[in-house]
Amino acid sequence: MELKETIDLMLSENRKERLKAEYWQTKVRLEKLNTYISKLEAGGEPDVDDSIDVLQAQSAAMNEYLYFLDVRMKMYGFLDAE
């Protein structure tokens, strides 16, 4: 999924549709952040003056947030329960 694919869901009047958008947006952004962190850990140059510690803390917070979105998505049957 790409961020642009979530636009219609995000603009929906239906809160469950907006939840789907929020989940997928967070998931995509977290994956991109983790890819960037991996690049930096491998010795890559930062795009801007980024602190790896701050990025890792952001990733941890986003992981926790995504966990709760995941729980809600499963409650509504949008994802398979594990």
Protein backbone atom coordinates (compact mmCIF):
# COMPACT_ATOMS: atom_id res chain seq x y z
CA MET A 1 0.00 0.00 0.00
CA GLU A 2 1.15 3.54 -0.73
CA LEU A 3 0.09 6.70 1.09
CA LYS A 4 -1.73 8.03 -1.97
CA GLU A 5 -3.95 4.92 -1.92
CA THR A 6 -5.33 5.94 1.50
CA ILE A 7 -6.69 9.34 0.47
CA ASP A 8 -10.29 8.26 -0.15
CA LEU A 9 -10.34 6.31 3.12
CA MET A 10 -8.97 9.29 5.06
CA LEU A 11 -11.59 11.63 3.60
CA SER A 12 -14.47 9.27 4.35
CA GLU A 13 -17.27 10.25 6.73
CA ASN A 14 -17.14 6.68 8.06
CA ARG A 15 -14.88 6.39 11.14
CA LYS A 16 -14.04 2.77 10.35
CA GLU A 17 -12.80 3.78 6.91
CA ARG A 18 -10.69 6.53 8.51
CA LEU A 19 -9.29 3.95 10.95
CA LYS A 20 -8.18 1.84 7.98
CA ALA A 21 -6.46 4.88 6.47
CA GLU A 22 -4.75 5.72 9.75
CA TYR A 23 -3.54 2.14 10.14
CA TRP A 24 -2.14 1.90 6.61
CA GLN A 25 -0.59 5.38 6.72
CA THR A 26 1.16 4.61 9.99
CA LYS A 27 2.34 1.24 8.70
CA VAL A 28 3.77 2.75 5.49
CA ARG A 29 5.46 5.61 7.34
CA LEU A 30 6.96 3.25 9.91
CA GLU A 31 8.35 0.97 7.19
CA LYS A 32 9.95 3.97 5.46
CA LEU A 33 11.38 5.24 8.75
CA ASN A 34 12.85 1.83 9.57
CA THR A 35 14.38 1.60 6.09
CA TYR A 36 15.99 5.01 6.64
CA ILE A 37 17.28 3.98 10.07
CA SER A 38 18.79 0.81 8.57
CA LYS A 39 20.50 2.93 5.91
CA LEU A 40 22.02 5.16 8.60
CA GLU A 41 23.08 2.19 10.74
CA ALA A 42 24.89 0.78 7.70
CA GLY A 43 26.90 3.98 7.43
CA GLY A 44 24.74 5.90 4.99
CA GLU A 45 24.59 9.65 4.96
CA PRO A 46 21.54 11.25 6.59
CA ASP A 47 19.20 13.25 4.34
CA VAL A 48 19.25 16.05 6.92
CA ASP A 49 20.83 16.52 10.34
CA ASP A 50 19.05 13.51 11.87
CA SER A 51 19.91 11.91 15.19
CA ILE A 52 19.76 8.12 14.99
CA ASP A 53 18.70 8.02 18.65
CA VAL A 54 15.72 10.29 17.99
CA LEU A 55 14.74 8.29 14.92
CA GLN A 56 14.91 5.02 16.85
CA ALA A 57 12.78 6.51 19.65
CA GLN A 58 10.27 7.70 17.05
CA SER A 59 10.20 4.21 15.53
CA ALA A 60 9.56 2.65 18.93
CA ALA A 61 6.68 5.06 19.62
CA MET A 62 5.20 4.42 16.18
CA ASN A 63 5.48 0.65 16.72
CA GLU A 64 3.51 0.96 19.95
CA TYR A 65 0.89 3.17 18.28
CA LEU A 66 0.60 0.74 15.36
CA TYR A 67 0.05 -2.08 17.84
CA PHE A 68 -3.10 -0.37 19.17
CA LEU A 69 -4.33 0.42 15.68
CA ASP A 70 -3.75 -3.26 14.85
CA VAL A 71 -5.86 -4.30 17.85
CA ARG A 72 -8.68 -2.02 16.74
CA MET A 73 -8.47 -3.26 13.15
CA LYS A 74 -8.78 -6.86 14.39
CA MET A 75 -11.75 -5.91 16.61
CA TYR A 76 -13.60 -4.71 13.52
CA GLY A 77 -12.53 -7.76 11.52
CA PHE A 78 -10.36 -5.79 9.09
CA LEU A 79 -7.31 -7.92 9.89
CA ASP A 80 -7.04 -11.59 10.78
CA ALA A 81 -6.58 -12.20 14.50
CA GLU A 82 -3.39 -14.08 15.24
